[in-house]
């Protein structure tokens, strides 16, 4: 998303839908543009784009309470838990 001066205010990335699902990730807002709805606008636009491309679901992971509140305001809901494992070789 572009700021008024043409610089980057924030962005995110999304995988192409596969088997009806897309992952939205890497949501970020540059410090000078935080708390102005940039992340919400980016997530909303990308989510809509993925549904327009045929996704039946779009998932993401939140990194804290602030991001979780943004995503929940846009309609995202927690539906499961992920487990990360690391095996020592």
PDB file of N, CA and C in Angstrom:
ATOM      1  N   UNK A   1       0.845  -1.162   0.000  1.00  0.00           N
ATOM      2  CA  UNK A   1       0.000   0.000   0.000  1.00  0.00           C
ATOM      3  C   UNK A   1       0.895   1.230   0.000  1.00  0.00           C
ATOM      4  N   UNK A   2       0.547   2.167  -0.833  1.00  0.00           N
ATOM      5  CA  UNK A   2       1.338   3.390  -0.968  1.00  0.00           C
ATOM      6  C   UNK A   2       0.852   4.483  -0.014  1.00  0.00           C
ATOM      7  N   UNK A   3       1.803   5.220   0.528  1.00  0.00           N
ATOM      8  CA  UNK A   3       1.504   6.398   1.334  1.00  0.00           C
ATOM      9  C   UNK A   3       1.193   7.548   0.388  1.00  0.00           C
ATOM     10  N   UNK A   4       0.729   8.637   0.928  1.00  0.00           N
ATOM     11  CA  UNK A   4       0.381   9.797   0.103  1.00  0.00           C
ATOM     12  C   UNK A   4       1.555  10.319  -0.706  1.00  0.00           C
ATOM     13  N   UNK A   5       2.787  10.175  -0.185  1.00  0.00           N
ATOM     14  CA  UNK A   5       3.963  10.663  -0.913  1.00  0.00           C
ATOM     15  C   UNK A   5       4.519   9.642  -1.906  1.00  0.00           C
ATOM     16  N   UNK A   6       3.823   8.504  -2.054  1.00  0.00           N
ATOM     17  CA  UNK A   6       4.244   7.480  -3.001  1.00  0.00           C
ATOM     18  C   UNK A   6       5.143   6.422  -2.411  1.00  0.00           C
ATOM     19  N   UNK A   7       5.593   6.607  -1.180  1.00  0.00           N
ATOM     20  CA  UNK A   7       6.431   5.593  -0.540  1.00  0.00           C
ATOM     21  C   UNK A   7       5.569   4.422  -0.074  1.00  0.00           C
ATOM     22  N   UNK A   8       6.215   3.370   0.337  1.00  0.00           N
ATOM     23  CA  UNK A   8       5.505   2.184   0.815  1.00  0.00           C
ATOM     24  C   UNK A   8       5.067   2.389   2.262  1.00  0.00           C
ATOM     25  N   UNK A   9       3.773   2.277   2.527  1.00  0.00           N
ATOM     26  CA  UNK A   9       3.246   2.392   3.885  1.00  0.00           C
ATOM     27  C   UNK A   9       3.159   1.028   4.552  1.00  0.00           C
ATOM     28  N   UNK A  10       2.903  -0.006   3.768  1.00  0.00           N
ATOM     29  CA  UNK A  10       2.791  -1.356   4.310  1.00  0.00           C
ATOM     30  C   UNK A  10       2.504  -2.342   3.210  1.00  0.00           C
ATOM     31  N   UNK A  11       2.531  -3.604   3.567  1.00  0.00           N
ATOM     32  CA  UNK A  11       2.285  -4.634   2.569  1.00  0.00           C
ATOM     33  C   UNK A  11       2.120  -5.996   3.209  1.00  0.00           C
ATOM     34  N   UNK A  12       1.948  -6.999   2.368  1.00  0.00           N
ATOM     35  CA  UNK A  12       1.799  -8.393   2.790  1.00  0.00           C
ATOM     36  C   UNK A  12       1.963  -9.250   1.553  1.00  0.00           C
ATOM     37  N   UNK A  13       1.963 -10.547   1.752  1.00  0.00           N
ATOM     38  CA  UNK A  13       2.012 -11.454   0.608  1.00  0.00           C
ATOM     39  C   UNK A  13       0.980 -12.552   0.806  1.00  0.00           C
ATOM     40  N   UNK A  14       0.679 -13.234  -0.272  1.00  0.00           N
ATOM     41  CA  UNK A  14      -0.325 -14.284  -0.230  1.00  0.00           C
ATOM     42  C   UNK A  14       0.083 -15.386  -1.194  1.00  0.00           C
ATOM     43  N   UNK A  15      -0.147 -16.617  -0.779  1.00  0.00           N
ATOM     44  CA  UNK A  15       0.081 -17.718  -1.703  1.00  0.00           C
ATOM     45  C   UNK A  15      -1.095 -17.798  -2.665  1.00  0.00           C
ATOM     46  N   UNK A  16      -0.843 -18.325  -3.819  1.00  0.00           N
ATOM     47  CA  UNK A  16      -1.920 -18.572  -4.762  1.00  0.00           C
ATOM     48  C   UNK A  16      -2.815 -19.663  -4.188  1.00  0.00           C
ATOM     49  N   UNK A  17      -4.130 -19.561  -4.356  1.00  0.00           N
ATOM     50  CA  UNK A  17      -5.000 -20.604  -3.813  1.00  0.00           C
ATOM     51  C   UNK A  17      -4.632 -21.990  -4.334  1.00  0.00           C
ATOM     52  N   UNK A  18      -4.532 -22.939  -3.419  1.00  0.00           N
ATOM     53  CA  UNK A  18      -4.269 -24.344  -3.760  1.00  0.00           C
ATOM     54  C   UNK A  18      -5.234 -25.199  -2.948  1.00  0.00           C
ATOM     55  N   UNK A  19      -5.926 -26.076  -3.616  1.00  0.00           N
ATOM     56  CA  UNK A  19      -6.930 -26.913  -2.961  1.00  0.00           C
ATOM     57  C   UNK A  19      -7.944 -26.061  -2.190  1.00  0.00           C
ATOM     58  N   UNK A  20      -8.244 -24.891  -2.724  1.00  0.00           N
ATOM     59  CA  UNK A  20      -9.253 -24.018  -2.154  1.00  0.00           C
ATOM     60  C   UNK A  20      -8.789 -23.116  -1.027  1.00  0.00           C
ATOM     61  N   UNK A  21      -7.492 -23.155  -0.696  1.00  0.00           N
ATOM     62  CA  UNK A  21      -6.996 -22.385   0.442  1.00  0.00           C
ATOM     63  C   UNK A  21      -5.794 -21.548   0.047  1.00  0.00           C
ATOM     64  N   UNK A  22      -5.713 -20.338   0.600  1.00  0.00           N
ATOM     65  CA  UNK A  22      -4.566 -19.457   0.401  1.00  0.00           C
ATOM     66  C   UNK A  22      -4.050 -19.022   1.768  1.00  0.00           C
ATOM     67  N   UNK A  23      -2.755 -18.782   1.860  1.00  0.00           N
ATOM     68  CA  UNK A  23      -2.158 -18.281   3.095  1.00  0.00           C
ATOM     69  C   UNK A  23      -1.749 -16.835   2.908  1.00  0.00           C
ATOM     70  N   UNK A  24      -2.152 -15.996   3.820  1.00  0.00           N
ATOM     71  CA  UNK A  24      -1.765 -14.593   3.838  1.00  0.00           C
ATOM     72  C   UNK A  24      -0.669 -14.459   4.897  1.00  0.00           C
ATOM     73  N   UNK A  25       0.444 -13.828   4.532  1.00  0.00           N
ATOM     74  CA  UNK A  25       1.560 -13.745   5.484  1.00  0.00           C
ATOM     75  C   UNK A  25       2.354 -12.461   5.280  1.00  0.00           C
ATOM     76  N   UNK A  26       3.276 -12.239   6.190  1.00  0.00           N
ATOM     77  CA  UNK A  26       4.193 -11.113   6.064  1.00  0.00           C
ATOM     78  C   UNK A  26       3.542  -9.755   6.130  1.00  0.00           C
ATOM     79  N   UNK A  27       2.472  -9.633   6.883  1.00  0.00           N
ATOM     80  CA  UNK A  27       1.785  -8.347   7.006  1.00  0.00           C
ATOM     81  C   UNK A  27       2.677  -7.389   7.795  1.00  0.00           C
ATOM     82  N   UNK A  28       2.911  -6.232   7.232  1.00  0.00           N
ATOM     83  CA  UNK A  28       3.750  -5.261   7.922  1.00  0.00           C
ATOM     84  C   UNK A  28       3.378  -3.839   7.549  1.00  0.00           C
ATOM     85  N   UNK A  29       3.568  -2.951   8.502  1.00  0.00           N
ATOM     86  CA  UNK A  29       3.328  -1.521   8.296  1.00  0.00           C
ATOM     87  C   UNK A  29       4.579  -0.777   8.728  1.00  0.00           C
ATOM     88  N   UNK A  30       5.048   0.134   7.904  1.00  0.00           N
ATOM     89  CA  UNK A  30       6.223   0.922   8.271  1.00  0.00           C
ATOM     90  C   UNK A  30       5.899   1.793   9.480  1.00  0.00           C
ATOM     91  N   UNK A  31       6.857   2.000  10.370  1.00  0.00           N
ATOM     92  CA  UNK A  31       6.597   2.705  11.627  1.00  0.00           C
ATOM     93  C   UNK A  31       5.873   4.043  11.486  1.00  0.00           C
ATOM     94  N   UNK A  32       6.211   4.827  10.495  1.00  0.00           N
ATOM     95  CA  UNK A  32       5.587   6.151  10.341  1.00  0.00           C
ATOM     96  C   UNK A  32       4.105   6.073   9.981  1.00  0.00           C
ATOM     97  N   UNK A  33       3.634   4.896   9.583  1.00  0.00           N
ATOM     98  CA  UNK A  33       2.252   4.755   9.109  1.00  0.00           C
ATOM     99  C   UNK A  33       1.395   3.859  10.002  1.00  0.00           C
ATOM    100  N   UNK A  34       1.927   3.464  11.142  1.00  0.00           N
ATOM    101  CA  UNK A  34       1.187   2.567  12.030  1.00  0.00           C
ATOM    102  C   UNK A  34       0.000   3.263  12.676  1.00  0.00           C
ATOM    103  N   UNK A  35      -0.980   2.430  13.019  1.00  0.00           N
ATOM    104  CA  UNK A  35      -2.213   2.884  13.695  1.00  0.00           C
ATOM    105  C   UNK A  35      -3.055   3.802  12.807  1.00  0.00           C
ATOM    106  N   UNK A  36      -2.983   3.560  11.494  1.00  0.00           N
ATOM    107  CA  UNK A  36      -3.782   4.343  10.539  1.00  0.00           C
ATOM    108  C   UNK A  36      -4.621   3.451   9.631  1.00  0.00           C
ATOM    109  N   UNK A  37      -4.719   2.167   9.971  1.00  0.00           N
ATOM    110  CA  UNK A  37      -5.548   1.257   9.188  1.00  0.00           C
ATOM    111  C   UNK A  37      -4.856   0.642   7.989  1.00  0.00           C
ATOM    112  N   UNK A  38      -3.542   0.810   7.874  1.00  0.00           N
ATOM    113  CA  UNK A  38      -2.821   0.277   6.717  1.00  0.00           C
ATOM    114  C   UNK A  38      -2.889  -1.250   6.686  1.00  0.00           C
ATOM    115  N   UNK A  39      -2.567  -1.900   7.794  1.00  0.00           N
ATOM    116  CA  UNK A  39      -2.591  -3.370   7.828  1.00  0.00           C
ATOM    117  C   UNK A  39      -3.991  -3.897   7.519  1.00  0.00           C
ATOM    118  N   UNK A  40      -5.002  -3.263   8.091  1.00  0.00           N
ATOM    119  CA  UNK A  40      -6.376  -3.699   7.833  1.00  0.00           C
ATOM    120  C   UNK A  40      -6.730  -3.566   6.356  1.00  0.00           C
ATOM    121  N   UNK A  41      -6.318  -2.470   5.738  1.00  0.00           N
ATOM    122  CA  UNK A  41      -6.617  -2.263   4.313  1.00  0.00           C
ATOM    123  C   UNK A  41      -5.906  -3.293   3.444  1.00  0.00           C
ATOM    124  N   UNK A  42      -4.661  -3.573   3.764  1.00  0.00           N
ATOM    125  CA  UNK A  42      -3.888  -4.552   2.990  1.00  0.00           C
ATOM    126  C   UNK A  42      -4.479  -5.948   3.134  1.00  0.00           C
ATOM    127  N   UNK A  43      -4.756  -6.354   4.372  1.00  0.00           N
ATOM    128  CA  UNK A  43      -5.312  -7.694   4.614  1.00  0.00           C
ATOM    129  C   UNK A  43      -6.682  -7.818   3.961  1.00  0.00           C
ATOM    130  N   UNK A  44      -7.507  -6.807   4.071  1.00  0.00           N
ATOM    131  CA  UNK A  44      -8.832  -6.837   3.459  1.00  0.00           C
ATOM    132  C   UNK A  44      -8.738  -6.978   1.938  1.00  0.00           C
ATOM    133  N   UNK A  45      -7.862  -6.198   1.322  1.00  0.00           N
ATOM    134  CA  UNK A  45      -7.714  -6.247  -0.139  1.00  0.00           C
ATOM    135  C   UNK A  45      -7.194  -7.608  -0.605  1.00  0.00           C
ATOM    136  N   UNK A  46      -6.162  -8.114   0.055  1.00  0.00           N
ATOM    137  CA  UNK A  46      -5.610  -9.411  -0.354  1.00  0.00           C
ATOM    138  C   UNK A  46      -6.597 -10.547  -0.115  1.00  0.00           C
ATOM    139  N   UNK A  47      -7.324 -10.494   0.986  1.00  0.00           N
ATOM    140  CA  UNK A  47      -8.326 -11.522   1.251  1.00  0.00           C
ATOM    141  C   UNK A  47      -9.374 -11.525   0.146  1.00  0.00           C
ATOM    142  N   UNK A  48      -9.852 -10.351  -0.208  1.00  0.00           N
ATOM    143  CA  UNK A  48     -10.826 -10.250  -1.300  1.00  0.00           C
ATOM    144  C   UNK A  48     -10.274 -10.761  -2.618  1.00  0.00           C
ATOM    145  N   UNK A  49      -9.012 -10.436  -2.895  1.00  0.00           N
ATOM    146  CA  UNK A  49      -8.371 -10.919  -4.127  1.00  0.00           C
ATOM    147  C   UNK A  49      -8.311 -12.442  -4.158  1.00  0.00           C
ATOM    148  N   UNK A  50      -7.993 -13.049  -3.028  1.00  0.00           N
ATOM    149  CA  UNK A  50      -7.880 -14.510  -2.986  1.00  0.00           C
ATOM    150  C   UNK A  50      -9.232 -15.177  -3.196  1.00  0.00           C
ATOM    151  N   UNK A  51     -10.279 -14.630  -2.598  1.00  0.00           N
ATOM    152  CA  UNK A  51     -11.614 -15.183  -2.835  1.00  0.00           C
ATOM    153  C   UNK A  51     -12.015 -14.998  -4.299  1.00  0.00           C
ATOM    154  N   UNK A  52     -11.647 -13.875  -4.890  1.00  0.00           N
ATOM    155  CA  UNK A  52     -11.945 -13.644  -6.307  1.00  0.00           C
ATOM    156  C   UNK A  52     -11.199 -14.630  -7.208  1.00  0.00           C
ATOM    157  N   UNK A  53     -10.049 -15.115  -6.746  1.00  0.00           N
ATOM    158  CA  UNK A  53      -9.276 -16.106  -7.508  1.00  0.00           C
ATOM    159  C   UNK A  53      -9.735 -17.533  -7.256  1.00  0.00           C
ATOM    160  N   UNK A  54     -10.763 -17.699  -6.431  1.00  0.00           N
ATOM    161  CA  UNK A  54     -11.323 -19.025  -6.213  1.00  0.00           C
ATOM    162  C   UNK A  54     -11.032 -19.668  -4.871  1.00  0.00           C
ATOM    163  N   UNK A  55     -10.328 -18.970  -3.993  1.00  0.00           N
ATOM    164  CA  UNK A  55     -10.084 -19.544  -2.664  1.00  0.00           C
ATOM    165  C   UNK A  55     -11.407 -19.675  -1.923  1.00  0.00           C
ATOM    166  N   UNK A  56     -11.539 -20.760  -1.197  1.00  0.00           N
ATOM    167  CA  UNK A  56     -12.705 -20.952  -0.339  1.00  0.00           C
ATOM    168  C   UNK A  56     -12.377 -20.569   1.099  1.00  0.00           C
ATOM    169  N   UNK A  57     -11.092 -20.496   1.397  1.00  0.00           N
ATOM    170  CA  UNK A  57     -10.646 -20.043   2.713  1.00  0.00           C
ATOM    171  C   UNK A  57      -9.291 -19.372   2.576  1.00  0.00           C
ATOM    172  N   UNK A  58      -9.028 -18.447   3.473  1.00  0.00           N
ATOM    173  CA  UNK A  58      -7.743 -17.760   3.546  1.00  0.00           C
ATOM    174  C   UNK A  58      -7.339 -17.817   5.015  1.00  0.00           C
ATOM    175  N   UNK A  59      -6.110 -18.228   5.269  1.00  0.00           N
ATOM    176  CA  UNK A  59      -5.668 -18.314   6.655  1.00  0.00           C
ATOM    177  C   UNK A  59      -4.423 -17.487   6.877  1.00  0.00           C
ATOM    178  N   UNK A  60      -4.207 -17.130   8.133  1.00  0.00           N
ATOM    179  CA  UNK A  60      -3.027 -16.376   8.530  1.00  0.00           C
ATOM    180  C   UNK A  60      -2.736 -16.678   9.988  1.00  0.00           C
ATOM    181  N   UNK A  61      -1.581 -16.256  10.429  1.00  0.00           N
ATOM    182  CA  UNK A  61      -1.208 -16.388  11.832  1.00  0.00           C
ATOM    183  C   UNK A  61      -0.981 -14.997  12.394  1.00  0.00           C
ATOM    184  N   UNK A  62      -1.447 -14.775  13.600  1.00  0.00           N
ATOM    185  CA  UNK A  62      -1.220 -13.481  14.231  1.00  0.00           C
ATOM    186  C   UNK A  62       0.024 -13.557  15.106  1.00  0.00           C
ATOM    187  N   UNK A  63       0.654 -12.404  15.302  1.00  0.00           N
ATOM    188  CA  UNK A  63       1.899 -12.377  16.071  1.00  0.00           C
ATOM    189  C   UNK A  63       1.718 -11.790  17.462  1.00  0.00           C
ATOM    190  N   UNK A  64       0.535 -11.347  17.770  1.00  0.00           N
ATOM    191  CA  UNK A  64       0.279 -10.763  19.081  1.00  0.00           C
ATOM    192  C   UNK A  64      -1.145 -10.253  19.152  1.00  0.00           C
ATOM    193  N   UNK A  65      -1.495  -9.723  20.307  1.00  0.00           N
ATOM    194  CA  UNK A  65      -2.871  -9.264  20.496  1.00  0.00           C
ATOM    195  C   UNK A  65      -3.265  -8.136  19.548  1.00  0.00           C
ATOM    196  N   UNK A  66      -2.344  -7.229  19.233  1.00  0.00           N
ATOM    197  CA  UNK A  66      -2.677  -6.125  18.318  1.00  0.00           C
ATOM    198  C   UNK A  66      -3.056  -6.644  16.943  1.00  0.00           C
ATOM    199  N   UNK A  67      -2.238  -7.528  16.392  1.00  0.00           N
ATOM    200  CA  UNK A  67      -2.557  -8.051  15.056  1.00  0.00           C
ATOM    201  C   UNK A  67      -3.800  -8.931  15.101  1.00  0.00           C
ATOM    202  N   UNK A  68      -3.960  -9.682  16.175  1.00  0.00           N
ATOM    203  CA  UNK A  68      -5.158 -10.523  16.289  1.00  0.00           C
ATOM    204  C   UNK A  68      -6.425  -9.667  16.249  1.00  0.00           C
ATOM    205  N   UNK A  69      -6.431  -8.544  16.956  1.00  0.00           N
ATOM    206  CA  UNK A  69      -7.608  -7.664  16.943  1.00  0.00           C
ATOM    207  C   UNK A  69      -7.894  -7.120  15.551  1.00  0.00           C
ATOM    208  N   UNK A  70      -6.858  -6.757  14.817  1.00  0.00           N
ATOM    209  CA  UNK A  70      -7.040  -6.265  13.442  1.00  0.00           C
ATOM    210  C   UNK A  70      -7.702  -7.347  12.594  1.00  0.00           C
ATOM    211  N   UNK A  71      -7.171  -8.561  12.649  1.00  0.00           N
ATOM    212  CA  UNK A  71      -7.694  -9.650  11.820  1.00  0.00           C
ATOM    213  C   UNK A  71      -9.116 -10.029  12.224  1.00  0.00           C
ATOM    214  N   UNK A  72      -9.385 -10.048  13.507  1.00  0.00           N
ATOM    215  CA  UNK A  72     -10.738 -10.400  13.948  1.00  0.00           C
ATOM    216  C   UNK A  72     -11.751  -9.346  13.527  1.00  0.00           C
ATOM    217  N   UNK A  73     -11.363  -8.068  13.514  1.00  0.00           N
ATOM    218  CA  UNK A  73     -12.278  -7.017  13.026  1.00  0.00           C
ATOM    219  C   UNK A  73     -12.619  -7.227  11.556  1.00  0.00           C
ATOM    220  N   UNK A  74     -11.724  -7.881  10.821  1.00  0.00           N
ATOM    221  CA  UNK A  74     -11.958  -8.139   9.399  1.00  0.00           C
ATOM    222  C   UNK A  74     -12.695  -9.445   9.153  1.00  0.00           C
ATOM    223  N   UNK A  75     -12.997 -10.183  10.217  1.00  0.00           N
ATOM    224  CA  UNK A  75     -13.770 -11.416  10.068  1.00  0.00           C
ATOM    225  C   UNK A  75     -12.990 -12.702  10.257  1.00  0.00           C
ATOM    226  N   UNK A  76     -11.684 -12.614  10.459  1.00  0.00           N
ATOM    227  CA  UNK A  76     -10.897 -13.816  10.720  1.00  0.00           C
ATOM    228  C   UNK A  76     -11.227 -14.343  12.110  1.00  0.00           C
ATOM    229  N   UNK A  77     -11.262 -15.664  12.250  1.00  0.00           N
ATOM    230  CA  UNK A  77     -11.562 -16.303  13.524  1.00  0.00           C
ATOM    231  C   UNK A  77     -10.570 -17.427  13.790  1.00  0.00           C
ATOM    232  N   UNK A  78     -10.129 -17.575  15.045  1.00  0.00           N
ATOM    233  CA  UNK A  78      -9.247 -18.701  15.377  1.00  0.00           C
ATOM    234  C   UNK A  78      -9.998 -20.017  15.199  1.00  0.00           C
ATOM    235  N   UNK A  79      -9.398 -20.945  14.468  1.00  0.00           N
ATOM    236  CA  UNK A  79     -10.050 -22.234  14.239  1.00  0.00           C
ATOM    237  C   UNK A  79      -9.159 -23.413  14.606  1.00  0.00           C
ATOM    238  N   UNK A  80      -7.951 -23.153  15.013  1.00  0.00           N
ATOM    239  CA  UNK A  80      -7.072 -24.259  15.343  1.00  0.00           C
ATOM    240  C   UNK A  80      -5.767 -23.765  15.917  1.00  0.00           C
ATOM    241  N   UNK A  81      -4.919 -24.712  16.199  1.00  0.00           N
ATOM    242  CA  UNK A  81      -3.611 -24.417  16.761  1.00  0.00           C
ATOM    243  C   UNK A  81      -2.562 -25.116  15.917  1.00  0.00           C
ATOM    244  N   UNK A  82      -1.448 -24.453  15.747  1.00  0.00           N
ATOM    245  CA  UNK A  82      -0.322 -25.044  15.020  1.00  0.00           C
ATOM    246  C   UNK A  82       0.752 -25.431  16.005  1.00  0.00           C
ATOM    247  N   UNK A  83       1.415 -26.509  15.733  1.00  0.00           N
ATOM    248  CA  UNK A  83       2.496 -26.975  16.586  1.00  0.00           C
ATOM    249  C   UNK A  83       3.783 -26.981  15.775  1.00  0.00           C
ATOM    250  N   UNK A  84       4.790 -26.294  16.290  1.00  0.00           N
ATOM    251  CA  UNK A  84       6.091 -26.265  15.640  1.00  0.00           C
ATOM    252  C   UNK A  84       7.042 -27.159  16.419  1.00  0.00           C
ATOM    253  N   UNK A  85       7.722 -28.032  15.729  1.00  0.00           N
ATOM    254  CA  UNK A  85       8.672 -28.955  16.355  1.00  0.00           C
ATOM    255  C   UNK A  85      10.042 -28.750  15.750  1.00  0.00           C
ATOM    256  N   UNK A  86      11.038 -28.963  16.561  1.00  0.00           N
ATOM    257  CA  UNK A  86      12.405 -28.912  16.078  1.00  0.00           C
ATOM    258  C   UNK A  86      13.121 -30.168  16.561  1.00  0.00           C
ATOM    259  N   UNK A  87      13.665 -30.894  15.647  1.00  0.00           N
ATOM    260  CA  UNK A  87      14.382 -32.114  15.991  1.00  0.00           C
ATOM    261  C   UNK A  87      15.872 -31.847  15.971  1.00  0.00           C
ATOM    262  N   UNK A  88      16.513 -32.196  17.037  1.00  0.00           N
ATOM    263  CA  UNK A  88      17.963 -32.081  17.103  1.00  0.00           C
ATOM    264  C   UNK A  88      18.572 -33.270  16.357  1.00  0.00           C
ATOM    265  N   UNK A  89      19.489 -32.984  15.470  1.00  0.00           N
ATOM    266  CA  UNK A  89      20.051 -34.039  14.638  1.00  0.00           C
ATOM    267  C   UNK A  89      21.276 -34.585  15.177  1.00  0.00           C
TER     268      UNK A  89
END
